[in-house]
Amino acid sequence: MTDQGSKAEALSYEQAREELIAIVQRLESGGVPLEESLALWERGEQLAAICQAWLDGAKAKIEAARQTEQAANES
C-alpha cells in the first residue's frame, strides 16, 4: 500500500466526505487539465470507498444492536 493509501485509510468519515466534496466541486467547476482531472477522479473513487466502508460498518453495528435488543426482548 502506498503512503497515500495508508493516509486515506486513516481518514474519518467526515474527513473523507469533505475532501470528496472539494474534489467534486473542483471537477464540476471545469478548467482542470485532463491529467489532473484523472488524478482527482481516482482520489475521489478512493474517498468514496472509504465513506462507503464507514457507512457499511455503521449499518452493521446498528443491525447487531437491533438483533441483540430483539433477542433480549424475546427472552
C-alpha atoms as a PDB file:
ATOM      1  CA  MET A   1       0.000   0.000   0.000  1.00  0.00           C
ATOM      2  CA  THR A   2       1.248   3.458  -0.806  1.00  0.00           C
ATOM      3  CA  ASP A   3       1.687   6.271   1.692  1.00  0.00           C
ATOM      4  CA  GLN A   4      -1.352   7.982   0.213  1.00  0.00           C
ATOM      5  CA  GLY A   5      -3.329   4.742   0.572  1.00  0.00           C
ATOM      6  CA  SER A   6      -2.433   4.326   4.234  1.00  0.00           C
ATOM      7  CA  LYS A   7      -3.161   8.024   4.815  1.00  0.00           C
ATOM      8  CA  ALA A   8      -6.565   7.540   3.193  1.00  0.00           C
ATOM      9  CA  GLU A   9      -7.267   4.507   5.369  1.00  0.00           C
ATOM     10  CA  ALA A  10      -6.755   6.656   8.466  1.00  0.00           C
ATOM     11  CA  LEU A  11      -9.350   9.254   7.433  1.00  0.00           C
ATOM     12  CA  SER A  12     -12.536   9.627   9.395  1.00  0.00           C
ATOM     13  CA  TYR A  13     -15.828   9.541   7.522  1.00  0.00           C
ATOM     14  CA  GLU A  14     -16.160  13.299   7.874  1.00  0.00           C
ATOM     15  CA  GLN A  15     -12.641  13.959   6.591  1.00  0.00           C
ATOM     16  CA  ALA A  16     -13.115  11.692   3.583  1.00  0.00           C
ATOM     17  CA  ARG A  17     -16.522  13.215   2.806  1.00  0.00           C
ATOM     18  CA  GLU A  18     -15.208  16.792   2.999  1.00  0.00           C
ATOM     19  CA  GLU A  19     -12.263  16.006   0.733  1.00  0.00           C
ATOM     20  CA  LEU A  20     -14.596  14.227  -1.689  1.00  0.00           C
ATOM     21  CA  ILE A  21     -16.928  17.245  -1.772  1.00  0.00           C
ATOM     22  CA  ALA A  22     -13.982  19.519  -2.551  1.00  0.00           C
ATOM     23  CA  ILE A  23     -12.864  17.231  -5.382  1.00  0.00           C
ATOM     24  CA  VAL A  24     -16.344  17.093  -6.901  1.00  0.00           C
ATOM     25  CA  GLN A  25     -16.644  20.882  -6.752  1.00  0.00           C
ATOM     26  CA  ARG A  26     -13.254  21.271  -8.393  1.00  0.00           C
ATOM     27  CA  LEU A  27     -14.128  18.838 -11.177  1.00  0.00           C
ATOM     28  CA  GLU A  28     -17.533  20.438 -11.720  1.00  0.00           C
ATOM     29  CA  SER A  29     -16.010  23.904 -11.983  1.00  0.00           C
ATOM     30  CA  GLY A  30     -14.109  22.858 -15.092  1.00  0.00           C
ATOM     31  CA  GLY A  31     -10.824  24.205 -16.309  1.00  0.00           C
ATOM     32  CA  VAL A  32      -8.826  21.376 -14.739  1.00  0.00           C
ATOM     33  CA  PRO A  33      -6.306  19.770 -17.121  1.00  0.00           C
ATOM     34  CA  LEU A  34      -7.112  16.204 -18.171  1.00  0.00           C
ATOM     35  CA  GLU A  35      -4.228  14.572 -16.291  1.00  0.00           C
ATOM     36  CA  GLU A  36      -5.149  16.384 -13.086  1.00  0.00           C
ATOM     37  CA  SER A  37      -8.828  15.540 -13.614  1.00  0.00           C
ATOM     38  CA  LEU A  38      -7.958  11.863 -13.847  1.00  0.00           C
ATOM     39  CA  ALA A  39      -5.909  12.037 -10.651  1.00  0.00           C
ATOM     40  CA  LEU A  40      -8.756  13.835  -8.881  1.00  0.00           C
ATOM     41  CA  TRP A  41     -11.232  11.247 -10.150  1.00  0.00           C
ATOM     42  CA  GLU A  42      -9.052   8.402  -8.834  1.00  0.00           C
ATOM     43  CA  ARG A  43      -8.726  10.101  -5.451  1.00  0.00           C
ATOM     44  CA  GLY A  44     -12.476  10.653  -5.420  1.00  0.00           C
ATOM     45  CA  GLU A  45     -13.036   6.939  -6.016  1.00  0.00           C
ATOM     46  CA  GLN A  46     -10.753   6.124  -3.071  1.00  0.00           C
ATOM     47  CA  LEU A  47     -12.579   8.578  -0.831  1.00  0.00           C
ATOM     48  CA  ALA A  48     -15.982   7.262  -1.908  1.00  0.00           C
ATOM     49  CA  ALA A  49     -14.848   3.745  -0.990  1.00  0.00           C
ATOM     50  CA  ILE A  50     -13.673   4.951   2.431  1.00  0.00           C
ATOM     51  CA  CYS A  51     -17.008   6.674   3.061  1.00  0.00           C
ATOM     52  CA  GLN A  52     -18.892   3.554   1.972  1.00  0.00           C
ATOM     53  CA  ALA A  53     -16.803   1.384   4.303  1.00  0.00           C
ATOM     54  CA  TRP A  54     -17.624   3.694   7.232  1.00  0.00           C
ATOM     55  CA  LEU A  55     -21.332   3.608   6.347  1.00  0.00           C
ATOM     56  CA  ASP A  56     -21.318  -0.173   5.958  1.00  0.00           C
ATOM     57  CA  GLY A  57     -19.621  -0.521   9.343  1.00  0.00           C
ATOM     58  CA  ALA A  58     -22.163   1.753  11.000  1.00  0.00           C
ATOM     59  CA  LYS A  59     -25.028  -0.175   9.409  1.00  0.00           C
ATOM     60  CA  ALA A  60     -23.588  -3.478  10.645  1.00  0.00           C
ATOM     61  CA  LYS A  61     -23.280  -2.103  14.191  1.00  0.00           C
ATOM     62  CA  ILE A  62     -26.885  -0.878  14.128  1.00  0.00           C
ATOM     63  CA  GLU A  63     -28.134  -4.231  12.839  1.00  0.00           C
ATOM     64  CA  ALA A  64     -26.151  -6.087  15.524  1.00  0.00           C
ATOM     65  CA  ALA A  65     -27.583  -3.824  18.221  1.00  0.00           C
ATOM     66  CA  ARG A  66     -31.119  -4.356  16.900  1.00  0.00           C
ATOM     67  CA  GLN A  67     -30.669  -8.119  16.855  1.00  0.00           C
ATOM     68  CA  THR A  68     -29.266  -8.100  20.393  1.00  0.00           C
ATOM     69  CA  GLU A  69     -32.168  -5.968  21.591  1.00  0.00           C
ATOM     70  CA  GLN A  70     -34.690  -8.168  19.805  1.00  0.00           C
ATOM     71  CA  ALA A  71     -33.167 -11.330  21.292  1.00  0.00           C
ATOM     72  CA  ALA A  72     -33.257  -9.783  24.768  1.00  0.00           C
ATOM     73  CA  ASN A  73     -36.912  -8.830  24.331  1.00  0.00           C
ATOM     74  CA  GLU A  74     -37.830 -12.347  23.204  1.00  0.00           C
ATOM     75  CA  SER A  75     -36.238 -13.944  26.275  1.00  0.00           C
END
